[in-house]
Amino acid sequence: LELMRMSVAREHRGRGLAQALCREVLAFARARGYGSVVLSTSMVQVAAQRLYEGQGFRKVGASYPSLLGTLLNFQILRYRCELGDGT
């Protein structure tokens, strides 16, 4: 399952909503038999990286989105969370 574009409005941040949303996505995927959840985020989204890593995601790769990204050393990071069998 791919998690795309998860966001919490600025005025609602800091209340644990992103953690709850992430847990819900993982529970949804697990309940439907998915083996893992994958996502991408940029290197400048440090808070997002901490959130995902805190939820069990592990960085599995990085790439440059374009030639300009390469020149600016701007990477897109790929993450994966293995769900296991739920036991």
PDB file of N, CA and C in Angstrom:
ATOM      1  N   LEU A   1       0.858  -1.162   0.000  1.00  0.00           N
ATOM      2  CA  LEU A   1       0.000   0.000   0.000  1.00  0.00           C
ATOM      3  C   LEU A   1       0.903   1.223   0.000  1.00  0.00           C
ATOM      4  N   GLU A   2       0.557   2.245  -0.762  1.00  0.00           N
ATOM      5  CA  GLU A   2       1.347   3.476  -0.779  1.00  0.00           C
ATOM      6  C   GLU A   2       0.592   4.591  -0.075  1.00  0.00           C
ATOM      7  N   LEU A   3       1.238   5.200   0.883  1.00  0.00           N
ATOM      8  CA  LEU A   3       0.702   6.356   1.592  1.00  0.00           C
ATOM      9  C   LEU A   3       1.156   7.594   0.836  1.00  0.00           C
ATOM     10  N   MET A   4       0.194   8.409   0.401  1.00  0.00           N
ATOM     11  CA  MET A   4       0.537   9.600  -0.369  1.00  0.00           C
ATOM     12  C   MET A   4      -0.083  10.847   0.245  1.00  0.00           C
ATOM     13  N   ARG A   5       0.710  11.879   0.349  1.00  0.00           N
ATOM     14  CA  ARG A   5       0.264  13.220   0.692  1.00  0.00           C
ATOM     15  C   ARG A   5      -0.502  13.337   2.009  1.00  0.00           C
ATOM     16  N   MET A   6       0.025  12.768   3.043  1.00  0.00           N
ATOM     17  CA  MET A   6      -0.581  12.941   4.359  1.00  0.00           C
ATOM     18  C   MET A   6      -0.162  14.299   4.908  1.00  0.00           C
ATOM     19  N   SER A   7      -1.137  15.059   5.392  1.00  0.00           N
ATOM     20  CA  SER A   7      -0.843  16.392   5.902  1.00  0.00           C
ATOM     21  C   SER A   7      -1.855  16.767   6.980  1.00  0.00           C
ATOM     22  N   VAL A   8      -1.398  17.529   7.950  1.00  0.00           N
ATOM     23  CA  VAL A   8      -2.261  18.071   8.993  1.00  0.00           C
ATOM     24  C   VAL A   8      -2.139  19.588   8.906  1.00  0.00           C
ATOM     25  N   ALA A   9      -3.273  20.281   8.917  1.00  0.00           N
ATOM     26  CA  ALA A   9      -3.271  21.741   8.845  1.00  0.00           C
ATOM     27  C   ALA A   9      -2.417  22.323   9.969  1.00  0.00           C
ATOM     28  N   ARG A  10      -1.720  23.369   9.643  1.00  0.00           N
ATOM     29  CA  ARG A  10      -0.773  23.980  10.581  1.00  0.00           C
ATOM     30  C   ARG A  10      -1.414  24.270  11.942  1.00  0.00           C
ATOM     31  N   GLU A  11      -2.640  24.761  11.947  1.00  0.00           N
ATOM     32  CA  GLU A  11      -3.276  25.121  13.218  1.00  0.00           C
ATOM     33  C   GLU A  11      -3.651  23.911  14.070  1.00  0.00           C
ATOM     34  N   HIS A  12      -3.572  22.712  13.505  1.00  0.00           N
ATOM     35  CA  HIS A  12      -3.912  21.498  14.260  1.00  0.00           C
ATOM     36  C   HIS A  12      -2.691  20.624  14.563  1.00  0.00           C
ATOM     37  N   ARG A  13      -1.519  21.102  14.212  1.00  0.00           N
ATOM     38  CA  ARG A  13      -0.303  20.325  14.454  1.00  0.00           C
ATOM     39  C   ARG A  13       0.067  20.335  15.932  1.00  0.00           C
ATOM     40  N   GLY A  14       0.840  19.318  16.334  1.00  0.00           N
ATOM     41  CA  GLY A  14       1.302  19.238  17.712  1.00  0.00           C
ATOM     42  C   GLY A  14       0.309  18.577  18.651  1.00  0.00           C
ATOM     43  N   ARG A  15      -0.742  17.999  18.099  1.00  0.00           N
ATOM     44  CA  ARG A  15      -1.771  17.345  18.915  1.00  0.00           C
ATOM     45  C   ARG A  15      -1.785  15.828  18.754  1.00  0.00           C
ATOM     46  N   GLY A  16      -0.826  15.313  17.993  1.00  0.00           N
ATOM     47  CA  GLY A  16      -0.769  13.870  17.798  1.00  0.00           C
ATOM     48  C   GLY A  16      -1.647  13.362  16.663  1.00  0.00           C
ATOM     49  N   LEU A  17      -2.218  14.275  15.867  1.00  0.00           N
ATOM     50  CA  LEU A  17      -3.098  13.854  14.781  1.00  0.00           C
ATOM     51  C   LEU A  17      -2.358  13.081  13.696  1.00  0.00           C
ATOM     52  N   ALA A  18      -1.167  13.520  13.347  1.00  0.00           N
ATOM     53  CA  ALA A  18      -0.399  12.829  12.309  1.00  0.00           C
ATOM     54  C   ALA A  18      -0.042  11.411  12.763  1.00  0.00           C
ATOM     55  N   GLN A  19       0.320  11.266  14.034  1.00  0.00           N
ATOM     56  CA  GLN A  19       0.611   9.925  14.556  1.00  0.00           C
ATOM     57  C   GLN A  19      -0.629   9.048  14.483  1.00  0.00           C
ATOM     58  N   ALA A  20      -1.786   9.596  14.864  1.00  0.00           N
ATOM     59  CA  ALA A  20      -3.031   8.830  14.820  1.00  0.00           C
ATOM     60  C   ALA A  20      -3.391   8.454  13.390  1.00  0.00           C
ATOM     61  N   LEU A  21      -3.230   9.381  12.457  1.00  0.00           N
ATOM     62  CA  LEU A  21      -3.507   9.084  11.050  1.00  0.00           C
ATOM     63  C   LEU A  21      -2.591   7.982  10.532  1.00  0.00           C
ATOM     64  N   CYS A  22      -1.327   8.075  10.875  1.00  0.00           N
ATOM     65  CA  CYS A  22      -0.362   7.075  10.435  1.00  0.00           C
ATOM     66  C   CYS A  22      -0.697   5.703  11.016  1.00  0.00           C
ATOM     67  N   ARG A  23      -1.024   5.654  12.300  1.00  0.00           N
ATOM     68  CA  ARG A  23      -1.422   4.375  12.912  1.00  0.00           C
ATOM     69  C   ARG A  23      -2.653   3.804  12.220  1.00  0.00           C
ATOM     70  N   GLU A  24      -3.596   4.663  11.864  1.00  0.00           N
ATOM     71  CA  GLU A  24      -4.818   4.215  11.196  1.00  0.00           C
ATOM     72  C   GLU A  24      -4.513   3.641   9.805  1.00  0.00           C
ATOM     73  N   VAL A  25      -3.624   4.287   9.080  1.00  0.00           N
ATOM     74  CA  VAL A  25      -3.217   3.765   7.765  1.00  0.00           C
ATOM     75  C   VAL A  25      -2.585   2.386   7.924  1.00  0.00           C
ATOM     76  N   LEU A  26      -1.695   2.242   8.905  1.00  0.00           N
ATOM     77  CA  LEU A  26      -1.044   0.947   9.121  1.00  0.00           C
ATOM     78  C   LEU A  26      -2.058  -0.117   9.519  1.00  0.00           C
ATOM     79  N   ALA A  27      -3.014   0.233  10.377  1.00  0.00           N
ATOM     80  CA  ALA A  27      -4.056  -0.725  10.777  1.00  0.00           C
ATOM     81  C   ALA A  27      -4.937  -1.099   9.583  1.00  0.00           C
ATOM     82  N   PHE A  28      -5.290  -0.117   8.765  1.00  0.00           N
ATOM     83  CA  PHE A  28      -6.091  -0.347   7.563  1.00  0.00           C
ATOM     84  C   PHE A  28      -5.377  -1.337   6.640  1.00  0.00           C
ATOM     85  N   ALA A  29      -4.099  -1.076   6.391  1.00  0.00           N
ATOM     86  CA  ALA A  29      -3.323  -1.941   5.493  1.00  0.00           C
ATOM     87  C   ALA A  29      -3.180  -3.345   6.066  1.00  0.00           C
ATOM     88  N   ARG A  30      -2.887  -3.422   7.347  1.00  0.00           N
ATOM     89  CA  ARG A  30      -2.718  -4.722   8.003  1.00  0.00           C
ATOM     90  C   ARG A  30      -4.019  -5.523   7.936  1.00  0.00           C
ATOM     91  N   ALA A  31      -5.159  -4.885   8.209  1.00  0.00           N
ATOM     92  CA  ALA A  31      -6.458  -5.564   8.217  1.00  0.00           C
ATOM     93  C   ALA A  31      -6.841  -6.092   6.835  1.00  0.00           C
ATOM     94  N   ARG A  32      -6.292  -5.485   5.806  1.00  0.00           N
ATOM     95  CA  ARG A  32      -6.613  -5.902   4.446  1.00  0.00           C
ATOM     96  C   ARG A  32      -5.545  -6.802   3.828  1.00  0.00           C
ATOM     97  N   GLY A  33      -4.597  -7.223   4.655  1.00  0.00           N
ATOM     98  CA  GLY A  33      -3.619  -8.200   4.208  1.00  0.00           C
ATOM     99  C   GLY A  33      -2.413  -7.665   3.459  1.00  0.00           C
ATOM    100  N   TYR A  34      -2.201  -6.359   3.476  1.00  0.00           N
ATOM    101  CA  TYR A  34      -1.007  -5.812   2.827  1.00  0.00           C
ATOM    102  C   TYR A  34       0.225  -6.199   3.644  1.00  0.00           C
ATOM    103  N   GLY A  35       1.318  -6.442   2.964  1.00  0.00           N
ATOM    104  CA  GLY A  35       2.547  -6.824   3.640  1.00  0.00           C
ATOM    105  C   GLY A  35       3.382  -5.655   4.099  1.00  0.00           C
ATOM    106  N   SER A  36       3.175  -4.499   3.463  1.00  0.00           N
ATOM    107  CA  SER A  36       3.964  -3.326   3.821  1.00  0.00           C
ATOM    108  C   SER A  36       3.263  -2.065   3.337  1.00  0.00           C
ATOM    109  N   VAL A  37       3.719  -0.951   3.879  1.00  0.00           N
ATOM    110  CA  VAL A  37       3.274   0.370   3.438  1.00  0.00           C
ATOM    111  C   VAL A  37       4.524   1.122   3.018  1.00  0.00           C
ATOM    112  N   VAL A  38       4.459   1.783   1.873  1.00  0.00           N
ATOM    113  CA  VAL A  38       5.591   2.556   1.364  1.00  0.00           C
ATOM    114  C   VAL A  38       5.168   4.015   1.219  1.00  0.00           C
ATOM    115  N   LEU A  39       6.155   4.901   1.245  1.00  0.00           N
ATOM    116  CA  LEU A  39       5.898   6.324   1.045  1.00  0.00           C
ATOM    117  C   LEU A  39       7.179   7.012   0.645  1.00  0.00           C
ATOM    118  N   SER A  40       7.028   8.233   0.150  1.00  0.00           N
ATOM    119  CA  SER A  40       8.172   9.079  -0.183  1.00  0.00           C
ATOM    120  C   SER A  40       7.990  10.430   0.481  1.00  0.00           C
ATOM    121  N   THR A  41       9.097  11.032   0.870  1.00  0.00           N
ATOM    122  CA  THR A  41       9.081  12.382   1.415  1.00  0.00           C
ATOM    123  C   THR A  41      10.397  13.045   1.028  1.00  0.00           C
ATOM    124  N   SER A  42      10.451  14.347   1.142  1.00  0.00           N
ATOM    125  CA  SER A  42      11.687  15.027   0.754  1.00  0.00           C
ATOM    126  C   SER A  42      12.631  15.152   1.941  1.00  0.00           C
ATOM    127  N   MET A  43      13.869  15.393   1.626  1.00  0.00           N
ATOM    128  CA  MET A  43      14.895  15.489   2.657  1.00  0.00           C
ATOM    129  C   MET A  43      14.678  16.676   3.588  1.00  0.00           C
ATOM    130  N   VAL A  44      13.923  17.680   3.159  1.00  0.00           N
ATOM    131  CA  VAL A  44      13.702  18.845   4.007  1.00  0.00           C
ATOM    132  C   VAL A  44      12.540  18.641   4.984  1.00  0.00           C
ATOM    133  N   GLN A  45      11.778  17.583   4.823  1.00  0.00           N
ATOM    134  CA  GLN A  45      10.646  17.294   5.701  1.00  0.00           C
ATOM    135  C   GLN A  45      11.119  16.484   6.911  1.00  0.00           C
ATOM    136  N   VAL A  46      11.922  17.109   7.736  1.00  0.00           N
ATOM    137  CA  VAL A  46      12.552  16.430   8.869  1.00  0.00           C
ATOM    138  C   VAL A  46      11.513  15.936   9.875  1.00  0.00           C
ATOM    139  N   ALA A  47      10.492  16.749  10.151  1.00  0.00           N
ATOM    140  CA  ALA A  47       9.451  16.322  11.094  1.00  0.00           C
ATOM    141  C   ALA A  47       8.721  15.093  10.560  1.00  0.00           C
ATOM    142  N   ALA A  48       8.463  15.061   9.257  1.00  0.00           N
ATOM    143  CA  ALA A  48       7.799  13.895   8.653  1.00  0.00           C
ATOM    144  C   ALA A  48       8.690  12.660   8.777  1.00  0.00           C
ATOM    145  N   GLN A  49       9.982  12.817   8.551  1.00  0.00           N
ATOM    146  CA  GLN A  49      10.900  11.686   8.678  1.00  0.00           C
ATOM    147  C   GLN A  49      10.873  11.125  10.100  1.00  0.00           C
ATOM    148  N   ARG A  50      10.881  12.010  11.091  1.00  0.00           N
ATOM    149  CA  ARG A  50      10.818  11.561  12.496  1.00  0.00           C
ATOM    150  C   ARG A  50       9.504  10.841  12.775  1.00  0.00           C
ATOM    151  N   LEU A  51       8.409  11.393  12.257  1.00  0.00           N
ATOM    152  CA  LEU A  51       7.107  10.760  12.442  1.00  0.00           C
ATOM    153  C   LEU A  51       7.112   9.350  11.876  1.00  0.00           C
ATOM    154  N   TYR A  52       7.511   9.214  10.626  1.00  0.00           N
ATOM    155  CA  TYR A  52       7.477   7.908   9.976  1.00  0.00           C
ATOM    156  C   TYR A  52       8.413   6.913  10.654  1.00  0.00           C
ATOM    157  N   GLU A  53       9.612   7.353  10.997  1.00  0.00           N
ATOM    158  CA  GLU A  53      10.553   6.453  11.663  1.00  0.00           C
ATOM    159  C   GLU A  53      10.018   6.032  13.033  1.00  0.00           C
ATOM    160  N   GLY A  54       9.323   6.937  13.715  1.00  0.00           N
ATOM    161  CA  GLY A  54       8.722   6.611  14.999  1.00  0.00           C
ATOM    162  C   GLY A  54       7.564   5.624  14.898  1.00  0.00           C
ATOM    163  N   GLN A  55       6.982   5.518  13.700  1.00  0.00           N
ATOM    164  CA  GLN A  55       5.881   4.586  13.460  1.00  0.00           C
ATOM    165  C   GLN A  55       6.363   3.251  12.890  1.00  0.00           C
ATOM    166  N   GLY A  56       7.680   3.088  12.771  1.00  0.00           N
ATOM    167  CA  GLY A  56       8.230   1.812  12.311  1.00  0.00           C
ATOM    168  C   GLY A  56       8.685   1.787  10.868  1.00  0.00           C
ATOM    169  N   PHE A  57       8.601   2.914  10.171  1.00  0.00           N
ATOM    170  CA  PHE A  57       9.101   2.973   8.797  1.00  0.00           C
ATOM    171  C   PHE A  57      10.626   3.030   8.810  1.00  0.00           C
ATOM    172  N   ARG A  58      11.228   2.425   7.809  1.00  0.00           N
ATOM    173  CA  ARG A  58      12.683   2.460   7.647  1.00  0.00           C
ATOM    174  C   ARG A  58      13.018   3.015   6.275  1.00  0.00           C
ATOM    175  N   LYS A  59      14.054   3.840   6.224  1.00  0.00           N
ATOM    176  CA  LYS A  59      14.491   4.409   4.952  1.00  0.00           C
ATOM    177  C   LYS A  59      15.058   3.294   4.079  1.00  0.00           C
ATOM    178  N   VAL A  60      14.556   3.198   2.858  1.00  0.00           N
ATOM    179  CA  VAL A  60      15.002   2.126   1.963  1.00  0.00           C
ATOM    180  C   VAL A  60      15.664   2.656   0.694  1.00  0.00           C
ATOM    181  N   GLY A  61      15.714   3.961   0.541  1.00  0.00           N
ATOM    182  CA  GLY A  61      16.363   4.498  -0.648  1.00  0.00           C
ATOM    183  C   GLY A  61      16.211   5.998  -0.733  1.00  0.00           C
ATOM    184  N   ALA A  62      16.928   6.559  -1.682  1.00  0.00           N
ATOM    185  CA  ALA A  62      16.870   8.002  -1.942  1.00  0.00           C
ATOM    186  C   ALA A  62      17.170   8.220  -3.408  1.00  0.00           C
ATOM    187  N   SER A  63      16.598   9.270  -3.964  1.00  0.00           N
ATOM    188  CA  SER A  63      16.859   9.596  -5.367  1.00  0.00           C
ATOM    189  C   SER A  63      16.725  11.097  -5.561  1.00  0.00           C
ATOM    190  N   TYR A  64      17.255  11.551  -6.667  1.00  0.00           N
ATOM    191  CA  TYR A  64      17.129  12.952  -7.047  1.00  0.00           C
ATOM    192  C   TYR A  64      15.969  13.066  -8.023  1.00  0.00           C
ATOM    193  N   PRO A  65      15.041  14.014  -7.805  1.00  0.00           N
ATOM    194  CA  PRO A  65      13.854  14.090  -8.647  1.00  0.00           C
ATOM    195  C   PRO A  65      14.109  14.640 -10.049  1.00  0.00           C
ATOM    196  N   SER A  66      15.245  15.299 -10.238  1.00  0.00           N
ATOM    197  CA  SER A  66      15.533  15.935 -11.525  1.00  0.00           C
ATOM    198  C   SER A  66      17.006  16.310 -11.585  1.00  0.00           C
ATOM    199  N   LEU A  67      17.429  16.813 -12.729  1.00  0.00           N
ATOM    200  CA  LEU A  67      18.797  17.298 -12.852  1.00  0.00           C
ATOM    201  C   LEU A  67      19.026  18.454 -11.884  1.00  0.00           C
ATOM    202  N   LEU A  68      18.048  19.348 -11.777  1.00  0.00           N
ATOM    203  CA  LEU A  68      18.182  20.456 -10.839  1.00  0.00           C
ATOM    204  C   LEU A  68      18.290  19.924  -9.408  1.00  0.00           C
ATOM    205  N   GLY A  69      17.498  18.913  -9.072  1.00  0.00           N
ATOM    206  CA  GLY A  69      17.589  18.288  -7.752  1.00  0.00           C
ATOM    207  C   GLY A  69      18.979  17.746  -7.490  1.00  0.00           C
ATOM    208  N   THR A  70      19.577  17.152  -8.509  1.00  0.00           N
ATOM    209  CA  THR A  70      20.935  16.628  -8.393  1.00  0.00           C
ATOM    210  C   THR A  70      21.921  17.766  -8.129  1.00  0.00           C
ATOM    211  N   LEU A  71      21.791  18.830  -8.896  1.00  0.00           N
ATOM    212  CA  LEU A  71      22.703  19.968  -8.736  1.00  0.00           C
ATOM    213  C   LEU A  71      22.565  20.623  -7.363  1.00  0.00           C
ATOM    214  N   LEU A  72      21.346  20.613  -6.820  1.00  0.00           N
ATOM    215  CA  LEU A  72      21.102  21.218  -5.510  1.00  0.00           C
ATOM    216  C   LEU A  72      21.246  20.225  -4.366  1.00  0.00           C
ATOM    217  N   ASN A  73      21.555  18.961  -4.705  1.00  0.00           N
ATOM    218  CA  ASN A  73      21.653  17.882  -3.723  1.00  0.00           C
ATOM    219  C   ASN A  73      20.346  17.740  -2.935  1.00  0.00           C
ATOM    220  N   PHE A  74      19.221  17.803  -3.653  1.00  0.00           N
ATOM    221  CA  PHE A  74      17.891  17.681  -3.067  1.00  0.00           C
ATOM    222  C   PHE A  74      17.363  16.281  -3.351  1.00  0.00           C
ATOM    223  N   GLN A  75      17.151  15.509  -2.296  1.00  0.00           N
ATOM    224  CA  GLN A  75      16.755  14.117  -2.460  1.00  0.00           C
ATOM    225  C   GLN A  75      15.318  13.865  -2.028  1.00  0.00           C
ATOM    226  N   ILE A  76      14.731  12.880  -2.682  1.00  0.00           N
ATOM    227  CA  ILE A  76      13.460  12.304  -2.267  1.00  0.00           C
ATOM    228  C   ILE A  76      13.800  10.993  -1.558  1.00  0.00           C
ATOM    229  N   LEU A  77      13.302  10.836  -0.347  1.00  0.00           N
ATOM    230  CA  LEU A  77      13.600   9.654   0.462  1.00  0.00           C
ATOM    231  C   LEU A  77      12.440   8.670   0.374  1.00  0.00           C
ATOM    232  N   ARG A  78      12.752   7.397   0.241  1.00  0.00           N
ATOM    233  CA  ARG A  78      11.731   6.348   0.197  1.00  0.00           C
ATOM    234  C   ARG A  78      11.758   5.579   1.515  1.00  0.00           C
ATOM    235  N   TYR A  79      10.578   5.347   2.059  1.00  0.00           N
ATOM    236  CA  TYR A  79      10.421   4.626   3.320  1.00  0.00           C
ATOM    237  C   TYR A  79       9.502   3.427   3.125  1.00  0.00           C
ATOM    238  N   ARG A  80       9.685   2.446   3.985  1.00  0.00           N
ATOM    239  CA  ARG A  80       8.863   1.240   3.952  1.00  0.00           C
ATOM    240  C   ARG A  80       8.614   0.775   5.386  1.00  0.00           C
ATOM    241  N   CYS A  81       7.382   0.327   5.657  1.00  0.00           N
ATOM    242  CA  CYS A  81       7.046  -0.252   6.940  1.00  0.00           C
ATOM    243  C   CYS A  81       6.524  -1.652   6.679  1.00  0.00           C
ATOM    244  N   GLU A  82       7.256  -2.644   7.154  1.00  0.00           N
ATOM    245  CA  GLU A  82       6.830  -4.041   7.012  1.00  0.00           C
ATOM    246  C   GLU A  82       5.759  -4.315   8.065  1.00  0.00           C
ATOM    247  N   LEU A  83       4.648  -4.906   7.637  1.00  0.00           N
ATOM    248  CA  LEU A  83       3.534  -5.114   8.545  1.00  0.00           C
ATOM    249  C   LEU A  83       3.543  -6.476   9.215  1.00  0.00           C
ATOM    250  N   GLY A  84       4.192  -7.429   8.650  1.00  0.00           N
ATOM    251  CA  GLY A  84       4.194  -8.774   9.228  1.00  0.00           C
ATOM    252  C   GLY A  84       2.816  -9.397   9.162  1.00  0.00           C
ATOM    253  N   ASP A  85       2.582 -10.405   9.952  1.00  0.00           N
ATOM    254  CA  ASP A  85       1.307 -11.104   9.903  1.00  0.00           C
ATOM    255  C   ASP A  85       0.365 -10.679  11.026  1.00  0.00           C
ATOM    256  N   GLY A  86       0.739  -9.644  11.794  1.00  0.00           N
ATOM    257  CA  GLY A  86      -0.139  -9.139  12.848  1.00  0.00           C
ATOM    258  C   GLY A  86      -0.053  -9.892  14.165  1.00  0.00           C
ATOM    259  N   THR A  87       0.841 -10.892  14.262  1.00  0.00           N
ATOM    260  CA  THR A  87       0.960 -11.646  15.516  1.00  0.00           C
ATOM    261  C   THR A  87       2.076 -11.100  16.362  1.00  0.00           C
TER     262      THR A  87
END
